[in-house]
C-alpha atoms as a PDB file:
ATOM      1  CA  MET A   1      13.234 -49.022  -2.869  1.00  0.00           C
ATOM      2  CA  ASN A   2      16.547 -50.838  -2.530  1.00  0.00           C
ATOM      3  CA  ASP A   3      17.672 -52.458  -5.808  1.00  0.00           C
ATOM      4  CA  ASP A   4      20.387 -54.492  -4.067  1.00  0.00           C
ATOM      5  CA  PRO A   5      19.517 -58.184  -4.650  1.00  0.00           C
ATOM      6  CA  TYR A   6      21.166 -59.058  -1.323  1.00  0.00           C
ATOM      7  CA  HIS A   7      19.061 -56.625   0.737  1.00  0.00           C
ATOM      8  CA  ARG A   8      16.355 -59.153   1.742  1.00  0.00           C
ATOM      9  CA  PRO A   9      18.873 -61.948   2.470  1.00  0.00           C
ATOM     10  CA  ARG A  10      20.895 -59.583   4.697  1.00  0.00           C
ATOM     11  CA  ILE A  11      17.788 -58.560   6.634  1.00  0.00           C
ATOM     12  CA  ALA A  12      16.659 -62.192   6.952  1.00  0.00           C
ATOM     13  CA  THR A  13      20.103 -63.225   8.212  1.00  0.00           C
ATOM     14  CA  ARG A  14      20.098 -60.485  10.847  1.00  0.00           C
ATOM     15  CA  ILE A  15      16.577 -61.496  11.908  1.00  0.00           C
ATOM     16  CA  ARG A  16      17.789 -65.106  12.225  1.00  0.00           C
ATOM     17  CA  ASP A  17      20.720 -64.041  14.396  1.00  0.00           C
ATOM     18  CA  LEU A  18      18.592 -61.871  16.687  1.00  0.00           C
ATOM     19  CA  LEU A  19      15.818 -64.453  17.044  1.00  0.00           C
ATOM     20  CA  LEU A  20      18.380 -67.069  17.996  1.00  0.00           C
ATOM     21  CA  ASP A  21      20.114 -64.765  20.495  1.00  0.00           C
ATOM     22  CA  GLU A  22      17.030 -63.190  22.047  1.00  0.00           C
ATOM     23  CA  LEU A  23      14.337 -65.877  21.834  1.00  0.00           C
ATOM     24  CA  GLY A  24      16.276 -69.069  21.204  1.00  0.00           C
ATOM     25  CA  GLU A  25      14.291 -69.522  17.962  1.00  0.00           C
ATOM     26  CA  ALA A  26      16.122 -70.896  14.922  1.00  0.00           C
ATOM     27  CA  ILE A  27      14.738 -69.998  11.492  1.00  0.00           C
ATOM     28  CA  ASP A  28      15.640 -70.980   7.939  1.00  0.00           C
ATOM     29  CA  VAL A  29      16.768 -67.939   5.947  1.00  0.00           C
ATOM     30  CA  GLY A  30      16.220 -69.765   2.644  1.00  0.00           C
ATOM     31  CA  LEU A  31      12.603 -70.494   3.525  1.00  0.00           C
ATOM     32  CA  MET A  32      12.132 -66.913   4.597  1.00  0.00           C
ATOM     33  CA  LEU A  33      13.074 -65.801   1.089  1.00  0.00           C
ATOM     34  CA  GLY A  34      10.665 -68.267  -0.540  1.00  0.00           C
ATOM     35  CA  PRO A  35       6.870 -68.432  -0.445  1.00  0.00           C
ATOM     36  CA  PRO A  36       5.391 -65.887   1.967  1.00  0.00           C
ATOM     37  CA  GLU A  37       3.750 -68.215   4.511  1.00  0.00           C
ATOM     38  CA  TYR A  38       6.994 -68.986   6.340  1.00  0.00           C
ATOM     39  CA  ALA A  39       8.116 -65.355   6.283  1.00  0.00           C
ATOM     40  CA  ARG A  40       4.774 -64.267   7.790  1.00  0.00           C
ATOM     41  CA  ALA A  41       5.259 -66.707  10.671  1.00  0.00           C
ATOM     42  CA  VAL A  42       8.795 -65.434  11.286  1.00  0.00           C
ATOM     43  CA  LEU A  43       7.702 -61.800  11.066  1.00  0.00           C
ATOM     44  CA  SER A  44       5.110 -62.479  13.758  1.00  0.00           C
ATOM     45  CA  LEU A  45       8.003 -63.444  16.058  1.00  0.00           C
ATOM     46  CA  CYS A  46       9.666 -60.136  15.205  1.00  0.00           C
ATOM     47  CA  ARG A  47       6.679 -58.304  16.676  1.00  0.00           C
ATOM     48  CA  SER A  48       7.339 -59.813  20.091  1.00  0.00           C
ATOM     49  CA  PRO A  49       7.896 -57.165  22.758  1.00  0.00           C
ATOM     50  CA  CYS A  50      11.520 -58.102  23.450  1.00  0.00           C
ATOM     51  CA  SER A  51      13.340 -56.136  20.747  1.00  0.00           C
ATOM     52  CA  ALA A  52      12.827 -52.852  18.957  1.00  0.00           C
ATOM     53  CA  GLU A  53      15.547 -53.894  16.485  1.00  0.00           C
ATOM     54  CA  LEU A  54      13.689 -57.102  15.615  1.00  0.00           C
ATOM     55  CA  GLU A  55      10.496 -55.148  15.088  1.00  0.00           C
ATOM     56  CA  ALA A  56      12.280 -52.666  12.801  1.00  0.00           C
ATOM     57  CA  LEU A  57      13.972 -55.471  10.852  1.00  0.00           C
ATOM     58  CA  GLY A  58      10.651 -57.243  10.431  1.00  0.00           C
ATOM     59  CA  GLU A  59       9.128 -54.088   8.995  1.00  0.00           C
ATOM     60  CA  ALA A  60      12.141 -53.557   6.723  1.00  0.00           C
ATOM     61  CA  PHE A  61      11.882 -57.157   5.461  1.00  0.00           C
ATOM     62  CA  ARG A  62       8.157 -56.767   4.798  1.00  0.00           C
ATOM     63  CA  ALA A  63       8.742 -53.533   2.875  1.00  0.00           C
ATOM     64  CA  ALA A  64      11.594 -55.063   0.853  1.00  0.00           C
ATOM     65  CA  SER A  65       9.448 -58.116   0.072  1.00  0.00           C
ATOM     66  CA  ASP A  66       6.538 -55.943  -1.042  1.00  0.00           C
ATOM     67  CA  ALA A  67       8.890 -53.989  -3.309  1.00  0.00           C
ATOM     68  CA  ALA A  68      10.310 -57.218  -4.775  1.00  0.00           C
ATOM     69  CA  VAL A  69       6.817 -58.562  -5.534  1.00  0.00           C
ATOM     70  CA  LEU A  70       5.845 -55.265  -7.156  1.00  0.00           C
ATOM     71  CA  ALA A  71       8.982 -55.318  -9.313  1.00  0.00           C
ATOM     72  CA  GLN A  72       8.249 -58.923 -10.354  1.00  0.00           C
ATOM     73  CA  ARG A  73       4.690 -58.007 -11.307  1.00  0.00           C
ATOM     74  CA  GLN A  74       5.926 -55.081 -13.372  1.00  0.00           C
ATOM     75  CA  ARG A  75       8.232 -57.475 -15.231  1.00  0.00           C
ATOM     76  CA  GLY A  76       5.368 -59.967 -15.660  1.00  0.00           C
ATOM     77  CA  VAL A  77       6.887 -62.588 -13.347  1.00  0.00           C
ATOM     78  CA  PRO A  78       4.395 -64.394 -11.077  1.00  0.00           C
ATOM     79  CA  PRO A  79       5.131 -64.340  -7.333  1.00  0.00           C
ATOM     80  CA  PRO A  80       6.693 -67.474  -5.763  1.00  0.00           C
ATOM     81  CA  GLY A  81       4.187 -70.258  -5.243  1.00  0.00           C
ATOM     82  CA  LEU A  82       1.981 -69.123  -8.144  1.00  0.00           C
ATOM     83  CA  ARG A  83       4.057 -70.454 -11.009  1.00  0.00           C
ATOM     84  CA  ALA A  84       2.436 -73.084 -13.193  1.00  0.00           C
END
């Protein structure tokens, strides 16, 4: 697990750059770091057959997100979108 708080934003920024360059798709990095619905839609674009790097970055983002949610749960913090 990477404890660097900028790990997910760096991955999301690289995904944004590659999606724009390779597919002409613009994404919002801030939304990607928020509730998971937007990130899932973006990660589906990463699985397109055009780029092995995009696919690897998508997997790295998913793993980093899973680790962040697990860490939040261990600290007793609800995931985004589930706060009262």
